[in-house]
N, C-alpha and C. Protein backbone atom coordinates (compact mmCIF):
# COMPACT_ATOMS: atom_id res chain seq x y z
N MET A 1 0.88 -1.08 -0.09
CA MET A 1 -0.23 0.01 0.08
C MET A 1 0.84 1.42 0.10
N ALA A 2 0.37 2.33 -0.94
CA ALA A 2 1.19 3.49 -0.79
C ALA A 2 0.78 4.28 0.55
N SER A 3 2.02 5.07 0.97
CA SER A 3 1.75 5.90 1.95
C SER A 3 1.24 7.21 1.87
N ALA A 4 0.88 7.85 2.54
CA ALA A 4 0.52 9.23 2.09
C ALA A 4 1.02 10.27 1.47
N MET A 5 2.74 9.92 2.07
CA MET A 5 3.54 10.79 1.16
C MET A 5 3.57 10.40 -0.17
N GLN A 6 3.72 8.97 -0.22
CA GLN A 6 3.78 8.62 -1.69
C GLN A 6 2.53 8.91 -2.72
N LEU A 7 1.52 8.78 -2.31
CA LEU A 7 0.51 9.19 -2.70
C LEU A 7 0.18 10.65 -3.16
N ALA A 8 0.57 11.73 -2.07
CA ALA A 8 1.09 13.09 -2.26
C ALA A 8 1.89 13.35 -3.49
N ASP A 9 3.10 12.56 -3.48
CA ASP A 9 3.89 13.02 -4.60
C ASP A 9 3.52 12.79 -5.83
N LEU A 10 2.92 11.47 -5.86
CA LEU A 10 2.00 11.02 -7.36
C LEU A 10 1.27 12.06 -7.77
N MET A 11 0.43 12.63 -7.13
CA MET A 11 -0.70 13.54 -7.34
C MET A 11 0.11 14.86 -7.74
N GLN A 12 0.85 15.20 -7.27
CA GLN A 12 1.72 16.39 -7.46
C GLN A 12 2.53 16.04 -8.88
N LYS A 13 3.09 15.17 -9.26
CA LYS A 13 3.65 14.97 -10.25
C LYS A 13 2.61 14.38 -11.83
N LEU A 14 1.23 14.05 -11.55
CA LEU A 14 0.37 13.97 -12.08
C LEU A 14 -0.44 15.28 -12.46
N GLY A 15 -0.26 16.21 -11.87
CA GLY A 15 -0.92 17.57 -11.95
C GLY A 15 -2.08 18.12 -11.26
N ILE A 16 -2.47 16.94 -10.80
CA ILE A 16 -3.82 16.69 -9.77
C ILE A 16 -3.85 17.76 -8.65
N VAL A 17 -2.83 17.75 -7.94
CA VAL A 17 -2.54 18.77 -6.70
C VAL A 17 -2.83 20.35 -7.15
N ASN A 18 -2.18 20.37 -8.26
CA ASN A 18 -2.02 22.19 -8.83
C ASN A 18 -3.32 22.31 -9.40
N LYS A 19 -4.18 21.39 -10.16
CA LYS A 19 -5.44 21.26 -10.78
C LYS A 19 -6.51 21.86 -9.46
N ILE A 20 -6.10 21.23 -8.67
CA ILE A 20 -7.50 21.44 -7.32
C ILE A 20 -6.99 22.78 -6.81
N GLU A 21 -5.58 22.85 -6.38
CA GLU A 21 -5.27 24.12 -5.95
C GLU A 21 -5.38 25.28 -6.80
N HIS A 22 -5.69 25.19 -8.08
CA HIS A 22 -5.90 26.37 -8.84
C HIS A 22 -7.61 26.50 -8.85
N ASP A 23 -8.17 25.61 -8.84
CA ASP A 23 -9.74 25.60 -8.88
C ASP A 23 -10.19 25.86 -7.81
N SER A 24 -9.54 25.91 -6.44
CA SER A 24 -9.78 26.41 -5.04
C SER A 24 -9.69 27.92 -5.02
N GLN A 25 -8.02 28.08 -5.74
CA GLN A 25 -7.90 29.51 -5.67
C GLN A 25 -8.93 30.54 -6.66
N LEU A 26 -9.47 30.07 -7.59
CA LEU A 26 -10.36 30.40 -8.67
C LEU A 26 -11.79 30.71 -7.87
N GLN A 27 -11.90 29.54 -7.11
CA GLN A 27 -13.14 29.49 -5.97
C GLN A 27 -13.07 30.89 -4.77
N PHE A 28 -12.01 30.50 -4.63
CA PHE A 28 -11.54 31.54 -3.15
C PHE A 28 -11.93 32.99 -3.89
N LYS A 29 -11.13 33.59 -4.98
CA LYS A 29 -11.05 34.84 -5.49
C LYS A 29 -12.50 35.23 -5.54
N LYS A 30 -13.44 34.40 -6.36
CA LYS A 30 -14.74 34.63 -6.63
C LYS A 30 -15.55 35.03 -5.55
N LEU A 31 -15.49 33.96 -4.56
CA LEU A 31 -16.08 34.41 -2.97
C LEU A 31 -15.47 35.47 -2.40
N TYR A 32 -14.40 35.96 -2.28
CA TYR A 32 -13.62 37.06 -1.88
C TYR A 32 -14.36 38.47 -2.38
N GLN A 33 -14.31 38.28 -3.77
CA GLN A 33 -15.12 39.49 -4.52
C GLN A 33 -16.33 39.89 -4.37
N GLN A 34 -17.10 38.70 -4.00
CA GLN A 34 -18.65 38.85 -3.73
C GLN A 34 -18.44 39.57 -2.52
N GLN A 35 -17.42 39.10 -1.46
CA GLN A 35 -17.86 39.52 -0.23
C GLN A 35 -17.44 40.73 -0.24
N ILE A 36 -16.53 41.27 -0.97
CA ILE A 36 -15.82 42.79 -0.94
C ILE A 36 -17.23 43.80 -1.38
N GLU A 37 -17.85 43.11 -2.57
CA GLU A 37 -19.12 43.78 -2.96
C GLU A 37 -19.95 43.96 -2.15
N GLN A 38 -20.33 43.16 -1.50
CA GLN A 38 -21.23 43.30 -0.57
C GLN A 38 -21.11 44.10 0.71
N ILE A 39 -19.86 43.98 1.24
CA ILE A 39 -19.37 45.11 2.15
C ILE A 39 -19.48 46.75 1.49
N TRP A 40 -19.29 46.66 0.53
CA TRP A 40 -19.13 47.73 -0.25
C TRP A 40 -20.46 48.41 -0.44
N HIS A 41 -21.43 47.54 -0.68
CA HIS A 41 -22.50 48.25 -1.05
C HIS A 41 -23.46 48.37 0.69
N ARG A 42 -23.23 47.77 1.17
CA ARG A 42 -23.83 47.79 2.73
C ARG A 42 -23.27 49.34 3.41
N TYR A 43 -21.61 49.59 2.98
CA TYR A 43 -21.30 50.64 3.54
C TYR A 43 -21.99 52.08 2.61
N LEU A 44 -22.28 51.64 1.52
CA LEU A 44 -23.20 52.80 0.59
C LEU A 44 -24.37 52.87 1.31
N ASP A 45 -25.01 51.85 1.46
CA ASP A 45 -26.44 51.77 2.04
C ASP A 45 -26.47 52.95 3.50
N HIS A 46 -25.45 52.46 4.35
CA HIS A 46 -25.29 53.11 5.85
C HIS A 46 -24.95 54.83 5.33
N LYS A 47 -24.30 54.76 4.48
CA LYS A 47 -23.96 56.23 4.32
C LYS A 47 -24.59 56.83 3.73
N ARG A 48 -25.88 56.25 3.08
CA ARG A 48 -27.02 57.02 2.57
C ARG A 48 -27.86 57.57 3.57
N TYR A 49 -28.22 56.39 4.56
CA TYR A 49 -29.35 56.62 5.32
C TYR A 49 -28.47 57.48 6.13
N PHE A 50 -27.47 57.51 6.66
CA PHE A 50 -26.94 58.47 7.92
C PHE A 50 -26.96 60.10 7.32
N TYR A 51 -26.81 60.09 6.12
CA TYR A 51 -26.45 61.54 5.39
C TYR A 51 -27.87 61.78 5.29
N ALA A 52 -28.57 60.89 5.17
CA ALA A 52 -30.28 61.40 4.88
C ALA A 52 -30.85 61.97 6.14
N GLN A 53 -30.22 61.44 6.97
CA GLN A 53 -30.78 61.84 8.50
C GLN A 53 -30.27 63.30 9.03
N GLU A 54 -29.47 63.60 8.26
CA GLU A 54 -28.87 65.13 8.76
C GLU A 54 -29.80 66.06 8.01
N GLN A 55 -30.36 66.68 9.03
CA GLN A 55 -31.35 67.89 8.58
C GLN A 55 -30.95 69.26 8.93
N ARG A 56 -29.75 69.40 9.80
CA ARG A 56 -29.85 70.58 10.53
C ARG A 56 -29.11 71.69 9.39
N TRP A 57 -28.47 71.58 8.41
CA TRP A 57 -27.83 72.52 7.94
C TRP A 57 -28.20 72.06 6.24
N SER A 58 -29.60 71.98 6.13
CA SER A 58 -30.14 71.70 4.99
C SER A 58 -29.95 72.73 3.59
N ASN A 59 -29.48 73.80 3.80
CA ASN A 59 -29.46 74.88 2.95
C ASN A 59 -27.93 74.73 2.55
N ASN A 60 -27.17 74.23 3.55
CA ASN A 60 -25.68 74.37 3.14
C ASN A 60 -25.37 73.48 1.92
N PRO A 61 -24.55 74.11 0.87
CA PRO A 61 -24.21 73.24 -0.38
C PRO A 61 -23.47 71.93 -0.07
N PHE A 62 -22.82 71.52 0.98
CA PHE A 62 -22.39 70.51 1.03
C PHE A 62 -23.31 69.35 1.17
N TRP A 63 -24.28 69.25 2.24
CA TRP A 63 -25.45 68.67 2.40
C TRP A 63 -26.55 68.62 1.40
N GLN A 64 -26.44 69.69 0.64
CA GLN A 64 -27.74 69.82 -0.72
C GLN A 64 -26.87 68.83 -1.65
N ARG A 65 -26.11 68.79 -1.95
CA ARG A 65 -24.89 68.03 -2.80
C ARG A 65 -25.42 66.52 -2.09
N ARG A 66 -25.26 66.12 -1.02
CA ARG A 66 -25.57 64.76 -0.45
C ARG A 66 -26.96 64.45 -0.86
N GLN A 67 -27.72 65.60 -0.41
CA GLN A 67 -28.93 65.12 -0.59
C GLN A 67 -29.60 64.58 -2.33
N GLN A 68 -28.96 65.47 -2.79
CA GLN A 68 -29.23 65.23 -4.34
C GLN A 68 -28.59 64.00 -4.76
N LEU A 69 -27.55 63.71 -4.48
CA LEU A 69 -26.64 62.71 -5.03
C LEU A 69 -27.75 61.18 -4.05
N ASN A 70 -28.26 61.41 -3.14
CA ASN A 70 -28.67 60.37 -2.45
C ASN A 70 -30.42 60.08 -3.22
N SER A 71 -30.81 61.28 -3.85
CA SER A 71 -31.83 60.86 -4.52
C SER A 71 -31.88 60.23 -5.91
N ILE A 72 -30.58 60.92 -6.68
CA ILE A 72 -30.22 60.17 -8.11
C ILE A 72 -29.70 58.81 -7.98
N PHE A 73 -28.69 58.55 -6.96
CA PHE A 73 -28.32 57.23 -6.86
C PHE A 73 -29.13 56.24 -5.57
N ASP A 74 -30.08 55.96 -5.78
CA ASP A 74 -31.14 55.20 -4.85
C ASP A 74 -30.38 53.88 -4.99
N TRP A 75 -29.48 53.68 -4.23
CA TRP A 75 -28.65 52.11 -4.39
C TRP A 75 -29.64 51.04 -3.95
């Protein structure tokens, strides 16, 4: 019977391990990208929410621009 080390060596020589690692890396990158996009969209949602709550300086150009952007980009 082959030992685990011999089996691992054989799998590396045949390129099986490399293919599995490559596929795993692609899956990881896809999952990572999805998570980053979710985090980004949550950040934008929170930003929009909190900026919309501010009413004290509604005549200030800074806040007027934020209110306009919130209405244009309804994420």
